[in-house]
Amino acid sequence: AAARSTQEDLQEELGHQSLLCEQLQQETRRGQAAEAALRSELAQEAERSREVQAQTTQELEQRLALAEGQARQEADAAEAQRLRCEQPLGDCRPNSGCGAHSSRGSLQEADAAE
């Protein structure tokens, strides 16, 4: 009777251990599924971040190219203005945009009108 009781106790303990093992396996599967979902979410977020970074870089490059183009145009215009203003006073063209010569040009025109 004692051996039978011990055997029943062992079978009951084995059943309990088997149930615990099954529960642990289920928790492990849930944990693995949650980990996979987090990894997927992180990968998607990293991809979105790369896309935003690429778009921002492209926009900045475009703005830089535009600013460089404007700076070149302004430098070219300033150089053209400088060249116009280096002309001898008698050669200053009316409406040339040369502020240094405009009043002198007006005086020459006034003298010619007299």
C-alpha atoms as a PDB file:
ATOM      1  CA  ALA A   1       0.000   0.000   0.000  1.00  0.00           C
ATOM      2  CA  ALA A   2       2.849   2.377   0.803  1.00  0.00           C
ATOM      3  CA  ALA A   3       4.519   1.667  -2.555  1.00  0.00           C
ATOM      4  CA  ARG A   4       1.241   2.252  -4.300  1.00  0.00           C
ATOM      5  CA  SER A   5       0.735   5.556  -2.479  1.00  0.00           C
ATOM      6  CA  THR A   6       4.256   6.653  -3.413  1.00  0.00           C
ATOM      7  CA  GLN A   7       3.656   5.653  -7.025  1.00  0.00           C
ATOM      8  CA  GLU A   8       0.407   7.654  -7.109  1.00  0.00           C
ATOM      9  CA  ASP A   9       2.182  10.623  -5.524  1.00  0.00           C
ATOM     10  CA  LEU A  10       4.908  10.376  -8.151  1.00  0.00           C
ATOM     11  CA  GLN A  11       2.380  10.180 -10.981  1.00  0.00           C
ATOM     12  CA  GLU A  12       0.534  13.172  -9.578  1.00  0.00           C
ATOM     13  CA  GLU A  13       3.820  15.098  -9.273  1.00  0.00           C
ATOM     14  CA  LEU A  14       4.733  14.072 -12.832  1.00  0.00           C
ATOM     15  CA  GLY A  15       1.356  15.333 -14.098  1.00  0.00           C
ATOM     16  CA  HIS A  16       1.880  18.587 -12.217  1.00  0.00           C
ATOM     17  CA  GLN A  17       5.391  18.977 -13.647  1.00  0.00           C
ATOM     18  CA  SER A  18       4.092  18.193 -17.132  1.00  0.00           C
ATOM     19  CA  LEU A  19       1.422  20.899 -16.762  1.00  0.00           C
ATOM     20  CA  LEU A  20       4.033  23.413 -15.579  1.00  0.00           C
ATOM     21  CA  CYS A  21       6.259  22.497 -18.511  1.00  0.00           C
ATOM     22  CA  GLU A  22       3.379  23.078 -20.959  1.00  0.00           C
ATOM     23  CA  GLN A  23       2.604  26.460 -19.357  1.00  0.00           C
ATOM     24  CA  LEU A  24       6.265  27.440 -19.581  1.00  0.00           C
ATOM     25  CA  GLN A  25       6.362  26.451 -23.264  1.00  0.00           C
ATOM     26  CA  GLN A  26       3.251  28.567 -23.941  1.00  0.00           C
ATOM     27  CA  GLU A  27       4.812  31.565 -22.174  1.00  0.00           C
ATOM     28  CA  THR A  28       8.007  31.056 -24.170  1.00  0.00           C
ATOM     29  CA  ARG A  29       6.034  31.044 -27.444  1.00  0.00           C
ATOM     30  CA  ARG A  30       4.155  34.210 -26.413  1.00  0.00           C
ATOM     31  CA  GLY A  31       7.452  35.874 -25.491  1.00  0.00           C
ATOM     32  CA  GLN A  32       8.986  34.891 -28.811  1.00  0.00           C
ATOM     33  CA  ALA A  33       5.962  36.236 -30.698  1.00  0.00           C
ATOM     34  CA  ALA A  34       6.126  39.515 -28.751  1.00  0.00           C
ATOM     35  CA  GLU A  35       9.864  39.771 -29.465  1.00  0.00           C
ATOM     36  CA  ALA A  36       9.274  39.168 -33.191  1.00  0.00           C
ATOM     37  CA  ALA A  37       6.552  41.848 -33.229  1.00  0.00           C
ATOM     38  CA  LEU A  38       8.895  44.336 -31.514  1.00  0.00           C
ATOM     39  CA  ARG A  39      11.704  43.539 -33.924  1.00  0.00           C
ATOM     40  CA  SER A  40       9.349  44.104 -36.864  1.00  0.00           C
ATOM     41  CA  GLU A  41       8.144  47.400 -35.396  1.00  0.00           C
ATOM     42  CA  LEU A  42      11.731  48.528 -34.816  1.00  0.00           C
ATOM     43  CA  ALA A  43      12.695  47.600 -38.374  1.00  0.00           C
ATOM     44  CA  GLN A  44       9.728  49.599 -39.735  1.00  0.00           C
ATOM     45  CA  GLU A  45      10.639  52.588 -37.560  1.00  0.00           C
ATOM     46  CA  ALA A  46      14.260  52.401 -38.725  1.00  0.00           C
ATOM     47  CA  GLU A  47      13.103  52.353 -42.349  1.00  0.00           C
ATOM     48  CA  ARG A  48      10.856  55.384 -41.776  1.00  0.00           C
ATOM     49  CA  SER A  49      13.755  57.158 -40.104  1.00  0.00           C
ATOM     50  CA  ARG A  50      16.040  56.419 -43.079  1.00  0.00           C
ATOM     51  CA  GLU A  51      13.374  57.713 -45.481  1.00  0.00           C
ATOM     52  CA  VAL A  52      12.930  60.944 -43.509  1.00  0.00           C
ATOM     53  CA  GLN A  53      16.702  61.406 -43.322  1.00  0.00           C
ATOM     54  CA  ALA A  54      17.072  60.853 -47.075  1.00  0.00           C
ATOM     55  CA  GLN A  55      14.239  63.301 -47.818  1.00  0.00           C
ATOM     56  CA  THR A  56      15.700  65.904 -45.463  1.00  0.00           C
ATOM     57  CA  THR A  57      19.148  65.474 -47.009  1.00  0.00           C
ATOM     58  CA  GLN A  58      17.695  65.884 -50.502  1.00  0.00           C
ATOM     59  CA  GLU A  59      15.778  69.011 -49.472  1.00  0.00           C
ATOM     60  CA  LEU A  60      18.889  70.511 -47.870  1.00  0.00           C
ATOM     61  CA  GLU A  61      20.975  69.738 -50.953  1.00  0.00           C
ATOM     62  CA  GLN A  62      18.366  71.419 -53.152  1.00  0.00           C
ATOM     63  CA  ARG A  63      18.253  74.481 -50.892  1.00  0.00           C
ATOM     64  CA  LEU A  64      22.052  74.627 -50.873  1.00  0.00           C
ATOM     65  CA  ALA A  65      22.212  74.398 -54.675  1.00  0.00           C
ATOM     66  CA  LEU A  66      19.607  77.156 -54.955  1.00  0.00           C
ATOM     67  CA  ALA A  67      21.490  79.370 -52.482  1.00  0.00           C
ATOM     68  CA  GLU A  68      24.760  78.752 -54.322  1.00  0.00           C
ATOM     69  CA  GLY A  69      23.080  79.674 -57.624  1.00  0.00           C
ATOM     70  CA  GLN A  70      21.681  82.861 -56.123  1.00  0.00           C
ATOM     71  CA  ALA A  71      25.069  83.734 -54.625  1.00  0.00           C
ATOM     72  CA  ARG A  72      26.714  83.232 -58.039  1.00  0.00           C
ATOM     73  CA  GLN A  73      24.093  85.450 -59.695  1.00  0.00           C
ATOM     74  CA  GLU A  74      24.602  88.149 -57.072  1.00  0.00           C
ATOM     75  CA  ALA A  75      28.395  87.924 -57.443  1.00  0.00           C
ATOM     76  CA  ASP A  76      28.072  88.128 -61.244  1.00  0.00           C
ATOM     77  CA  ALA A  77      25.750  91.133 -60.945  1.00  0.00           C
ATOM     78  CA  ALA A  78      28.137  92.837 -58.512  1.00  0.00           C
ATOM     79  CA  GLU A  79      31.058  92.186 -60.863  1.00  0.00           C
ATOM     80  CA  ALA A  80      29.103  93.579 -63.818  1.00  0.00           C
ATOM     81  CA  GLN A  81      28.205  96.651 -61.744  1.00  0.00           C
ATOM     82  CA  ARG A  82      31.853  97.091 -60.751  1.00  0.00           C
ATOM     83  CA  LEU A  83      32.952  96.865 -64.375  1.00  0.00           C
ATOM     84  CA  ARG A  84      30.334  99.428 -65.442  1.00  0.00           C
ATOM     85  CA  CYS A  85      31.476 101.793 -62.712  1.00  0.00           C
ATOM     86  CA  GLU A  86      35.124 101.513 -63.758  1.00  0.00           C
ATOM     87  CA  GLN A  87      34.333 103.056 -67.134  1.00  0.00           C
ATOM     88  CA  PRO A  88      35.611 106.602 -67.714  1.00  0.00           C
ATOM     89  CA  LEU A  89      33.004 109.185 -66.785  1.00  0.00           C
ATOM     90  CA  GLY A  90      32.467 110.231 -70.376  1.00  0.00           C
ATOM     91  CA  ASP A  91      31.639 106.657 -71.355  1.00  0.00           C
ATOM     92  CA  CYS A  92      29.022 106.169 -68.641  1.00  0.00           C
ATOM     93  CA  ARG A  93      25.833 105.054 -70.300  1.00  0.00           C
ATOM     94  CA  PRO A  94      22.532 106.580 -69.173  1.00  0.00           C
ATOM     95  CA  ASN A  95      20.452 104.171 -67.092  1.00  0.00           C
ATOM     96  CA  SER A  96      23.429 101.858 -66.699  1.00  0.00           C
ATOM     97  CA  GLY A  97      22.588 101.429 -63.069  1.00  0.00           C
ATOM     98  CA  CYS A  98      25.895 102.861 -61.956  1.00  0.00           C
ATOM     99  CA  GLY A  99      25.036 105.008 -58.971  1.00  0.00           C
ATOM    100  CA  ALA A 100      28.460 106.654 -58.909  1.00  0.00           C
ATOM    101  CA  HIS A 101      28.018 108.111 -62.393  1.00  0.00           C
ATOM    102  CA  SER A 102      24.303 108.818 -62.550  1.00  0.00           C
ATOM    103  CA  SER A 103      24.493 112.372 -61.210  1.00  0.00           C
ATOM    104  CA  ARG A 104      27.498 113.137 -63.449  1.00  0.00           C
ATOM    105  CA  GLY A 105      25.657 111.670 -66.423  1.00  0.00           C
ATOM    106  CA  SER A 106      22.696 113.903 -65.673  1.00  0.00           C
ATOM    107  CA  LEU A 107      24.978 116.937 -65.516  1.00  0.00           C
ATOM    108  CA  GLN A 108      26.497 116.033 -68.912  1.00  0.00           C
ATOM    109  CA  GLU A 109      23.043 115.678 -70.386  1.00  0.00           C
ATOM    110  CA  ALA A 110      22.026 119.021 -68.902  1.00  0.00           C
ATOM    111  CA  ASP A 111      25.161 120.667 -70.366  1.00  0.00           C
ATOM    112  CA  ALA A 112      24.400 119.160 -73.763  1.00  0.00           C
ATOM    113  CA  ALA A 113      20.820 120.436 -73.615  1.00  0.00           C
ATOM    114  CA  GLU A 114      22.034 124.017 -73.088  1.00  0.00           C
END
